[in-house]
Amino acid sequence: MQGPSLENDEVVGFDEEANEVIKRLVEGPPESLDIIPAVGMPGLGKTTLARKIYNDSTLSFEFFRILWVYVGQEYKIKDIYLRILKSFKKSIEDHLNEDLKTLAKVIRDFMIKGGRYLIVLDDVWDAEVIDYVKKVFPENKKGHRIMMTTRDGYLAAYTNPVPHI
């Protein structure tokens, strides 16, 4: 399933909110994975805000790589892993039959070679997604980040006691 377009269209507005989230992404705990959830009702602009942040050129100086993954209600963890892996390899054909543990290790092995990573997860409905995506990050104390959009206040609080509302 494909999410919204990521073209670098000029997103108008959200400047103050985007700067606040960017600051949290950049200045969060320097040695541990941090999750910044943007939570709110449908139509409030969570995805638009996330897209603005994803396309912000200043983050390219802070993160080795920034990945976008649309999740949605009808997700499969394996598909999410394969989308993440696709950002590291042109062809993922030789990984299609691997189990989740193996895929997580393959992704982690790619991430170990680089610096700090930011994965943006758009439209998350289930804590399972976060729990599995956290497994791909190496424990190398680089301050990796996950930004996510969700409608679910409980899910946002599960990932971070101070979500962006």
N, C-alpha and C. Protein backbone atom coordinates (compact mmCIF):
# COMPACT_ATOMS: atom_id res chain seq x y z
N MET A 1 0.84 -1.19 0.00
CA MET A 1 0.00 0.00 0.00
C MET A 1 0.88 1.24 0.00
N GLN A 2 0.50 2.19 -0.76
CA GLN A 2 1.26 3.42 -0.89
C GLN A 2 0.60 4.52 -0.07
N GLY A 3 1.39 5.31 0.58
CA GLY A 3 0.87 6.44 1.35
C GLY A 3 0.88 7.70 0.51
N PRO A 4 0.82 8.84 1.17
CA PRO A 4 0.81 10.11 0.46
C PRO A 4 2.14 10.36 -0.26
N SER A 5 2.07 11.19 -1.27
CA SER A 5 3.26 11.54 -2.04
C SER A 5 4.26 12.26 -1.15
N LEU A 6 5.54 12.02 -1.41
CA LEU A 6 6.59 12.67 -0.63
C LEU A 6 7.30 13.77 -1.40
N GLU A 7 6.73 14.16 -2.54
CA GLU A 7 7.37 15.21 -3.30
C GLU A 7 7.63 16.40 -2.39
N ASN A 8 8.68 17.09 -2.70
CA ASN A 8 9.07 18.22 -1.87
C ASN A 8 8.24 19.45 -2.22
N ASP A 9 6.92 19.28 -2.27
CA ASP A 9 6.06 20.45 -2.47
C ASP A 9 6.24 21.34 -1.26
N GLU A 10 6.18 22.64 -1.49
CA GLU A 10 6.33 23.57 -0.38
C GLU A 10 5.10 23.46 0.51
N VAL A 11 5.31 22.97 1.71
CA VAL A 11 4.23 22.85 2.66
C VAL A 11 4.11 24.18 3.39
N VAL A 12 2.94 24.78 3.28
CA VAL A 12 2.71 26.09 3.87
C VAL A 12 2.17 25.90 5.28
N GLY A 13 2.66 26.72 6.20
CA GLY A 13 2.22 26.62 7.59
C GLY A 13 3.02 25.57 8.33
N PHE A 14 2.62 25.27 9.53
CA PHE A 14 3.26 24.26 10.37
C PHE A 14 4.71 24.59 10.72
N ASP A 15 5.19 25.81 10.41
CA ASP A 15 6.60 26.12 10.65
C ASP A 15 6.97 25.98 12.12
N GLU A 16 6.17 26.57 12.99
CA GLU A 16 6.48 26.53 14.41
C GLU A 16 6.43 25.09 14.93
N GLU A 17 5.39 24.35 14.53
CA GLU A 17 5.28 22.96 14.96
C GLU A 17 6.42 22.11 14.41
N ALA A 18 6.73 22.30 13.14
CA ALA A 18 7.83 21.54 12.52
C ALA A 18 9.14 21.82 13.25
N ASN A 19 9.40 23.08 13.53
CA ASN A 19 10.65 23.43 14.23
C ASN A 19 10.71 22.81 15.62
N GLU A 20 9.56 22.74 16.28
CA GLU A 20 9.50 22.12 17.61
C GLU A 20 9.83 20.63 17.54
N VAL A 21 9.24 19.94 16.57
CA VAL A 21 9.50 18.50 16.42
C VAL A 21 10.95 18.26 15.97
N ILE A 22 11.43 19.06 15.04
CA ILE A 22 12.82 18.93 14.58
C ILE A 22 13.78 19.10 15.75
N LYS A 23 13.50 20.07 16.59
CA LYS A 23 14.35 20.29 17.77
C LYS A 23 14.35 19.04 18.66
N ARG A 24 13.19 18.44 18.86
CA ARG A 24 13.11 17.22 19.67
C ARG A 24 13.87 16.07 19.01
N LEU A 25 13.78 15.96 17.68
CA LEU A 25 14.50 14.90 16.97
C LEU A 25 16.01 15.08 17.09
N VAL A 26 16.46 16.30 16.95
CA VAL A 26 17.90 16.59 16.95
C VAL A 26 18.48 16.57 18.36
N GLU A 27 17.75 17.17 19.30
CA GLU A 27 18.31 17.36 20.64
C GLU A 27 17.88 16.31 21.65
N GLY A 28 17.18 15.28 21.22
CA GLY A 28 16.74 14.24 22.14
C GLY A 28 17.91 13.52 22.77
N PRO A 29 17.63 12.44 23.51
CA PRO A 29 18.71 11.70 24.18
C PRO A 29 19.81 11.32 23.20
N PRO A 30 21.04 11.76 23.44
CA PRO A 30 22.11 11.58 22.45
C PRO A 30 22.56 10.14 22.24
N GLU A 31 22.33 9.25 23.20
CA GLU A 31 22.86 7.90 23.07
C GLU A 31 21.78 6.83 22.98
N SER A 32 20.50 7.23 22.95
CA SER A 32 19.47 6.19 22.90
C SER A 32 18.42 6.51 21.85
N LEU A 33 17.72 5.47 21.44
CA LEU A 33 16.62 5.61 20.49
C LEU A 33 15.51 6.42 21.14
N ASP A 34 14.98 7.39 20.43
CA ASP A 34 13.87 8.20 20.94
C ASP A 34 12.76 8.19 19.90
N ILE A 35 11.53 8.18 20.37
CA ILE A 35 10.36 8.15 19.49
C ILE A 35 9.56 9.42 19.73
N ILE A 36 9.25 10.13 18.64
CA ILE A 36 8.45 11.35 18.73
C ILE A 36 7.15 11.09 17.97
N PRO A 37 6.05 10.89 18.70
CA PRO A 37 4.76 10.68 18.03
C PRO A 37 4.03 12.01 17.82
N ALA A 38 3.47 12.17 16.63
CA ALA A 38 2.55 13.29 16.36
C ALA A 38 1.16 12.66 16.38
N VAL A 39 0.32 13.13 17.30
CA VAL A 39 -0.98 12.50 17.50
C VAL A 39 -2.09 13.53 17.33
N GLY A 40 -3.22 13.07 16.79
CA GLY A 40 -4.37 13.95 16.64
C GLY A 40 -5.44 13.31 15.78
N MET A 41 -6.58 13.97 15.74
CA MET A 41 -7.72 13.49 14.97
C MET A 41 -7.41 13.52 13.48
N PRO A 42 -8.18 12.76 12.68
CA PRO A 42 -7.99 12.78 11.22
C PRO A 42 -8.16 14.20 10.68
N GLY A 43 -7.33 14.56 9.72
CA GLY A 43 -7.47 15.85 9.04
C GLY A 43 -6.76 17.01 9.71
N LEU A 44 -6.06 16.76 10.81
CA LEU A 44 -5.38 17.86 11.51
C LEU A 44 -4.02 18.18 10.92
N GLY A 45 -3.54 17.35 10.00
CA GLY A 45 -2.27 17.66 9.34
C GLY A 45 -1.06 16.92 9.87
N LYS A 46 -1.26 15.79 10.53
CA LYS A 46 -0.12 15.02 11.06
C LYS A 46 0.82 14.59 9.95
N THR A 47 0.25 14.04 8.88
CA THR A 47 1.08 13.59 7.75
C THR A 47 1.74 14.78 7.06
N THR A 48 1.02 15.87 6.93
CA THR A 48 1.59 17.07 6.32
C THR A 48 2.77 17.57 7.15
N LEU A 49 2.60 17.58 8.46
CA LEU A 49 3.69 17.98 9.35
C LEU A 49 4.87 17.03 9.21
N ALA A 50 4.59 15.72 9.20
CA ALA A 50 5.67 14.74 9.06
C ALA A 50 6.39 14.90 7.73
N ARG A 51 5.64 15.16 6.67
CA ARG A 51 6.25 15.35 5.34
C ARG A 51 7.13 16.60 5.32
N LYS A 52 6.67 17.64 5.98
CA LYS A 52 7.47 18.88 6.05
C LYS A 52 8.80 18.60 6.78
N ILE A 53 8.72 17.84 7.85
CA ILE A 53 9.92 17.50 8.62
C ILE A 53 10.83 16.58 7.79
N TYR A 54 10.25 15.57 7.16
CA TYR A 54 11.00 14.63 6.33
C TYR A 54 11.78 15.37 5.24
N ASN A 55 11.17 16.38 4.66
CA ASN A 55 11.80 17.13 3.56
C ASN A 55 12.68 18.28 4.03
N ASP A 56 12.79 18.51 5.32
CA ASP A 56 13.58 19.63 5.84
C ASP A 56 15.07 19.38 5.62
N SER A 57 15.71 20.27 4.91
CA SER A 57 17.11 20.08 4.54
C SER A 57 18.06 20.07 5.74
N THR A 58 17.69 20.72 6.83
CA THR A 58 18.60 20.75 7.98
C THR A 58 18.78 19.36 8.60
N LEU A 59 17.77 18.50 8.46
CA LEU A 59 17.89 17.16 9.03
C LEU A 59 18.91 16.30 8.30
N SER A 60 19.18 16.61 7.04
CA SER A 60 20.18 15.84 6.30
C SER A 60 21.58 16.02 6.90
N PHE A 61 21.78 17.09 7.66
CA PHE A 61 23.06 17.28 8.35
C PHE A 61 23.10 16.55 9.68
N GLU A 62 21.93 16.22 10.21
CA GLU A 62 21.84 15.59 11.52
C GLU A 62 21.74 14.06 11.45
N PHE A 63 21.18 13.57 10.34
CA PHE A 63 20.94 12.13 10.21
C PHE A 63 21.63 11.60 8.96
N PHE A 64 22.26 10.44 9.12
CA PHE A 64 22.94 9.78 8.01
C PHE A 64 21.94 9.42 6.92
N ARG A 65 20.76 8.96 7.35
CA ARG A 65 19.71 8.62 6.40
C ARG A 65 18.36 8.81 7.07
N ILE A 66 17.39 9.30 6.26
CA ILE A 66 16.03 9.51 6.73
C ILE A 66 15.11 8.67 5.84
N LEU A 67 14.33 7.80 6.47
CA LEU A 67 13.47 6.88 5.74
C LEU A 67 12.00 7.19 6.02
N TRP A 68 11.15 7.03 5.02
CA TRP A 68 9.71 7.21 5.16
C TRP A 68 9.02 5.87 4.92
N VAL A 69 8.16 5.47 5.84
CA VAL A 69 7.41 4.23 5.68
C VAL A 69 5.94 4.51 6.01
N TYR A 70 5.09 4.34 5.01
CA TYR A 70 3.65 4.42 5.25
C TYR A 70 3.20 3.08 5.83
N VAL A 71 2.45 3.11 6.93
CA VAL A 71 2.02 1.88 7.60
C VAL A 71 0.55 1.61 7.32
N GLY A 72 -0.34 2.43 7.84
CA GLY A 72 -1.78 2.24 7.64
C GLY A 72 -2.35 1.12 8.49
N GLN A 73 -3.67 0.92 8.40
CA GLN A 73 -4.36 -0.09 9.21
C GLN A 73 -4.08 -1.51 8.73
N GLU A 74 -3.94 -1.68 7.44
CA GLU A 74 -3.75 -3.02 6.86
C GLU A 74 -2.27 -3.25 6.57
N TYR A 75 -1.48 -3.38 7.61
CA TYR A 75 -0.03 -3.52 7.44
C TYR A 75 0.40 -4.96 7.71
N LYS A 76 1.59 -5.28 7.23
CA LYS A 76 2.28 -6.51 7.58
C LYS A 76 3.69 -6.11 7.99
N ILE A 77 4.14 -6.60 9.12
CA ILE A 77 5.48 -6.24 9.60
C ILE A 77 6.54 -6.57 8.55
N LYS A 78 6.39 -7.70 7.89
CA LYS A 78 7.37 -8.09 6.87
C LYS A 78 7.44 -7.04 5.75
N ASP A 79 6.29 -6.51 5.34
CA ASP A 79 6.27 -5.48 4.30
C ASP A 79 6.97 -4.21 4.78
N ILE A 80 6.77 -3.86 6.03
CA ILE A 80 7.45 -2.69 6.59
C ILE A 80 8.96 -2.91 6.57
N TYR A 81 9.39 -4.07 7.02
CA TYR A 81 10.82 -4.39 6.99
C TYR A 81 11.37 -4.34 5.57
N LEU A 82 10.63 -4.89 4.61
CA LEU A 82 11.11 -4.89 3.22
C LEU A 82 11.18 -3.47 2.66
N ARG A 83 10.25 -2.60 3.05
CA ARG A 83 10.32 -1.20 2.60
C ARG A 83 11.54 -0.50 3.19
N ILE A 84 11.85 -0.80 4.44
CA ILE A 84 13.04 -0.22 5.05
C ILE A 84 14.28 -0.75 4.33
N LEU A 85 14.32 -2.06 4.10
CA LEU A 85 15.47 -2.67 3.43
C LEU A 85 15.66 -2.11 2.02
N LYS A 86 14.56 -1.81 1.34
CA LYS A 86 14.63 -1.26 -0.03
C LYS A 86 15.38 0.07 -0.06
N SER A 87 15.42 0.79 1.05
CA SER A 87 16.17 2.04 1.07
C SER A 87 17.68 1.80 1.15
N PHE A 88 18.07 0.57 1.44
CA PHE A 88 19.49 0.21 1.49
C PHE A 88 19.97 -0.56 0.28
N LYS A 89 19.05 -1.28 -0.39
CA LYS A 89 19.42 -2.14 -1.51
C LYS A 89 18.50 -1.87 -2.69
N LYS A 90 19.06 -1.90 -3.88
CA LYS A 90 18.24 -1.72 -5.08
C LYS A 90 17.27 -2.88 -5.25
N SER A 91 17.77 -4.09 -5.03
CA SER A 91 16.93 -5.27 -5.19
C SER A 91 16.82 -6.01 -3.86
N ILE A 92 15.60 -6.33 -3.49
CA ILE A 92 15.38 -7.07 -2.24
C ILE A 92 14.85 -8.48 -2.52
N GLU A 93 14.91 -8.88 -3.81
CA GLU A 93 14.38 -10.17 -4.23
C GLU A 93 14.92 -11.33 -3.39
N ASP A 94 16.22 -11.29 -3.06
CA ASP A 94 16.83 -12.39 -2.33
C ASP A 94 16.46 -12.40 -0.85
N HIS A 95 15.63 -11.44 -0.40
CA HIS A 95 15.22 -11.38 1.01
C HIS A 95 13.72 -11.64 1.20
N LEU A 96 12.99 -11.87 0.12
CA LEU A 96 11.53 -11.99 0.21
C LEU A 96 11.07 -13.18 1.04
N ASN A 97 11.86 -14.23 1.13
CA ASN A 97 11.45 -15.42 1.88
C ASN A 97 12.05 -15.50 3.28
N GLU A 98 12.74 -14.44 3.70
CA GLU A 98 13.36 -14.47 5.02
C GLU A 98 12.33 -14.16 6.11
N ASP A 99 12.60 -14.68 7.31
CA ASP A 99 11.69 -14.41 8.42
C ASP A 99 12.00 -13.04 9.03
N LEU A 100 11.16 -12.60 9.96
CA LEU A 100 11.29 -11.26 10.54
C LEU A 100 12.61 -11.06 11.27
N LYS A 101 13.04 -12.07 12.02
CA LYS A 101 14.28 -11.96 12.77
C LYS A 101 15.47 -11.76 11.83
N THR A 102 15.49 -12.51 10.75
CA THR A 102 16.58 -12.39 9.77
C THR A 102 16.54 -11.03 9.08
N LEU A 103 15.35 -10.59 8.68
CA LEU A 103 15.22 -9.28 8.03
C LEU A 103 15.70 -8.17 8.96
N ALA A 104 15.30 -8.22 10.23
CA ALA A 104 15.73 -7.20 11.19
C ALA A 104 17.25 -7.17 11.30
N LYS A 105 17.87 -8.35 11.30
CA LYS A 105 19.33 -8.42 11.39
C LYS A 105 19.99 -7.83 10.14
N VAL A 106 19.44 -8.14 8.97
CA VAL A 106 20.00 -7.59 7.72
C VAL A 106 19.94 -6.07 7.73
N ILE A 107 18.80 -5.52 8.13
CA ILE A 107 18.64 -4.06 8.20
C ILE A 107 19.61 -3.48 9.22
N ARG A 108 19.68 -4.11 10.40
CA ARG A 108 20.58 -3.64 11.46
C ARG A 108 22.02 -3.63 10.97
N ASP A 109 22.41 -4.66 10.22
CA ASP A 109 23.78 -4.73 9.69
C ASP A 109 24.07 -3.56 8.75
N PHE A 110 23.09 -3.15 7.94
CA PHE A 110 23.27 -1.97 7.10
C PHE A 110 23.39 -0.71 7.96
N MET A 111 22.55 -0.61 8.98
CA MET A 111 22.54 0.59 9.82
C MET A 111 23.82 0.75 10.63
N ILE A 112 24.42 -0.37 11.01
CA ILE A 112 25.66 -0.30 11.80
C ILE A 112 26.75 0.42 11.02
N LYS A 113 26.74 0.28 9.69
CA LYS A 113 27.77 0.88 8.85
C LYS A 113 27.65 2.39 8.75
N GLY A 114 26.48 2.94 9.05
CA GLY A 114 26.26 4.37 8.89
C GLY A 114 26.19 5.10 10.22
N GLY A 115 25.70 6.31 10.14
CA GLY A 115 25.57 7.14 11.33
C GLY A 115 24.20 7.00 11.95
N ARG A 116 23.64 8.12 12.25
CA ARG A 116 22.36 8.21 12.95
C ARG A 116 21.21 8.15 11.95
N TYR A 117 20.17 7.38 12.27
CA TYR A 117 19.04 7.19 11.36
C TYR A 117 17.75 7.75 11.95
N LEU A 118 16.90 8.23 11.06
CA LEU A 118 15.54 8.66 11.40
C LEU A 118 14.59 7.90 10.50
N ILE A 119 13.64 7.18 11.12
CA ILE A 119 12.59 6.51 10.35
C ILE A 119 11.27 7.21 10.69
N VAL A 120 10.59 7.69 9.67
CA VAL A 120 9.27 8.30 9.84
C VAL A 120 8.24 7.23 9.50
N LEU A 121 7.39 6.91 10.46
CA LEU A 121 6.31 5.94 10.28
C LEU A 121 5.00 6.70 10.23
N ASP A 122 4.36 6.69 9.07
CA ASP A 122 3.13 7.45 8.88
C ASP A 122 1.91 6.55 9.08
N ASP A 123 0.95 7.04 9.85
CA ASP A 123 -0.35 6.40 10.06
C ASP A 123 -0.22 5.05 10.78
N VAL A 124 0.31 5.10 11.99
CA VAL A 124 0.50 3.90 12.80
C VAL A 124 -0.74 3.67 13.66
N TRP A 125 -1.22 2.42 13.68
CA TRP A 125 -2.43 2.05 14.41
C TRP A 125 -2.17 1.06 15.53
N ASP A 126 -0.98 0.50 15.61
CA ASP A 126 -0.74 -0.60 16.53
C ASP A 126 0.67 -0.52 17.12
N ALA A 127 0.78 -0.76 18.43
CA ALA A 127 2.08 -0.73 19.11
C ALA A 127 3.04 -1.78 18.56
N GLU A 128 2.51 -2.86 18.00
CA GLU A 128 3.35 -3.91 17.43
C GLU A 128 4.31 -3.33 16.39
N VAL A 129 3.84 -2.37 15.60
CA VAL A 129 4.67 -1.76 14.56
C VAL A 129 5.91 -1.13 15.20
N ILE A 130 5.70 -0.36 16.25
CA ILE A 130 6.81 0.32 16.92
C ILE A 130 7.76 -0.72 17.53
N ASP A 131 7.19 -1.71 18.20
CA ASP A 131 8.03 -2.73 18.83
C ASP A 131 8.92 -3.44 17.82
N TYR A 132 8.39 -3.72 16.65
CA TYR A 132 9.19 -4.40 15.62
C TYR A 132 10.19 -3.45 14.96
N VAL A 133 9.80 -2.22 14.69
CA VAL A 133 10.73 -1.29 14.04
C VAL A 133 11.90 -0.97 14.98
N LYS A 134 11.64 -0.91 16.27
CA LYS A 134 12.74 -0.67 17.21
C LYS A 134 13.82 -1.75 17.10
N LYS A 135 13.43 -2.96 16.71
CA LYS A 135 14.38 -4.07 16.62
C LYS A 135 15.40 -3.91 15.49
N VAL A 136 15.13 -3.07 14.51
CA VAL A 136 16.08 -2.92 13.41
C VAL A 136 17.23 -1.98 13.74
N PHE A 137 17.05 -1.17 14.78
CA PHE A 137 18.09 -0.20 15.13
C PHE A 137 19.21 -0.88 15.90
N PRO A 138 20.46 -0.63 15.50
CA PRO A 138 21.57 -1.18 16.27
C PRO A 138 21.69 -0.45 17.61
N GLU A 139 22.20 -1.13 18.60
CA GLU A 139 22.42 -0.49 19.90
C GLU A 139 23.83 0.10 19.92
N ASN A 140 24.03 1.11 19.08
CA ASN A 140 25.36 1.70 18.98
C ASN A 140 25.44 3.12 19.52
N LYS A 141 24.45 3.50 20.31
CA LYS A 141 24.45 4.77 21.04
C LYS A 141 24.64 5.99 20.15
N LYS A 142 23.99 5.98 18.97
CA LYS A 142 24.12 7.11 18.06
C LYS A 142 22.94 8.07 18.13
N GLY A 143 21.93 7.73 18.91
CA GLY A 143 20.78 8.63 19.04
C GLY A 143 19.82 8.54 17.87
N HIS A 144 19.52 7.31 17.44
CA HIS A 144 18.57 7.10 16.35
C HIS A 144 17.18 7.59 16.78
N ARG A 145 16.34 7.88 15.78
CA ARG A 145 15.01 8.42 16.07
C ARG A 145 13.95 7.74 15.22
N ILE A 146 12.75 7.68 15.79
CA ILE A 146 11.54 7.32 15.06
C ILE A 146 10.57 8.47 15.24
N MET A 147 10.03 8.96 14.15
CA MET A 147 8.91 9.89 14.23
C MET A 147 7.72 9.13 13.68
N MET A 148 6.58 9.26 14.33
CA MET A 148 5.40 8.55 13.86
C MET A 148 4.18 9.45 13.92
N THR A 149 3.22 9.17 13.03
CA THR A 149 1.94 9.84 13.10
C THR A 149 0.90 8.79 13.49
N THR A 150 -0.04 9.19 14.34
CA THR A 150 -1.08 8.29 14.78
C THR A 150 -2.30 9.08 15.25
N ARG A 151 -3.45 8.45 15.17
CA ARG A 151 -4.68 9.03 15.71
C ARG A 151 -4.90 8.61 17.15
N ASP A 152 -4.16 7.60 17.59
CA ASP A 152 -4.40 6.95 18.87
C ASP A 152 -3.56 7.57 19.99
N GLY A 153 -4.22 8.27 20.89
CA GLY A 153 -3.53 8.91 22.01
C GLY A 153 -2.85 7.92 22.94
N TYR A 154 -3.47 6.74 23.14
CA TYR A 154 -2.86 5.72 23.99
C TYR A 154 -1.58 5.17 23.36
N LEU A 155 -1.62 4.96 22.06
CA LEU A 155 -0.43 4.48 21.35
C LEU A 155 0.68 5.53 21.42
N ALA A 156 0.33 6.79 21.23
CA ALA A 156 1.33 7.86 21.31
C ALA A 156 1.97 7.87 22.70
N ALA A 157 1.15 7.76 23.74
CA ALA A 157 1.68 7.75 25.11
C ALA A 157 2.51 6.51 25.39
N TYR A 158 2.18 5.39 24.75
CA TYR A 158 2.96 4.16 24.89
C TYR A 158 4.38 4.37 24.38
N THR A 159 4.52 5.13 23.30
CA THR A 159 5.83 5.32 22.69
C THR A 159 6.61 6.45 23.35
N ASN A 160 5.90 7.44 23.89
CA ASN A 160 6.57 8.58 24.51
C ASN A 160 5.56 9.28 25.41
N PRO A 161 5.90 9.48 26.68
CA PRO A 161 4.94 10.12 27.60
C PRO A 161 4.62 11.57 27.22
N VAL A 162 5.43 12.15 26.32
CA VAL A 162 5.19 13.52 25.89
C VAL A 162 5.07 13.56 24.36
N PRO A 163 3.91 13.14 23.82
CA PRO A 163 3.74 13.18 22.37
C PRO A 163 3.56 14.62 21.89
N HIS A 164 3.76 14.81 20.60
CA HIS A 164 3.49 16.11 19.98
C HIS A 164 2.01 16.14 19.59
N ILE A 165 1.27 17.05 20.18
CA ILE A 165 -0.18 17.12 19.93
C ILE A 165 -0.50 18.34 19.10
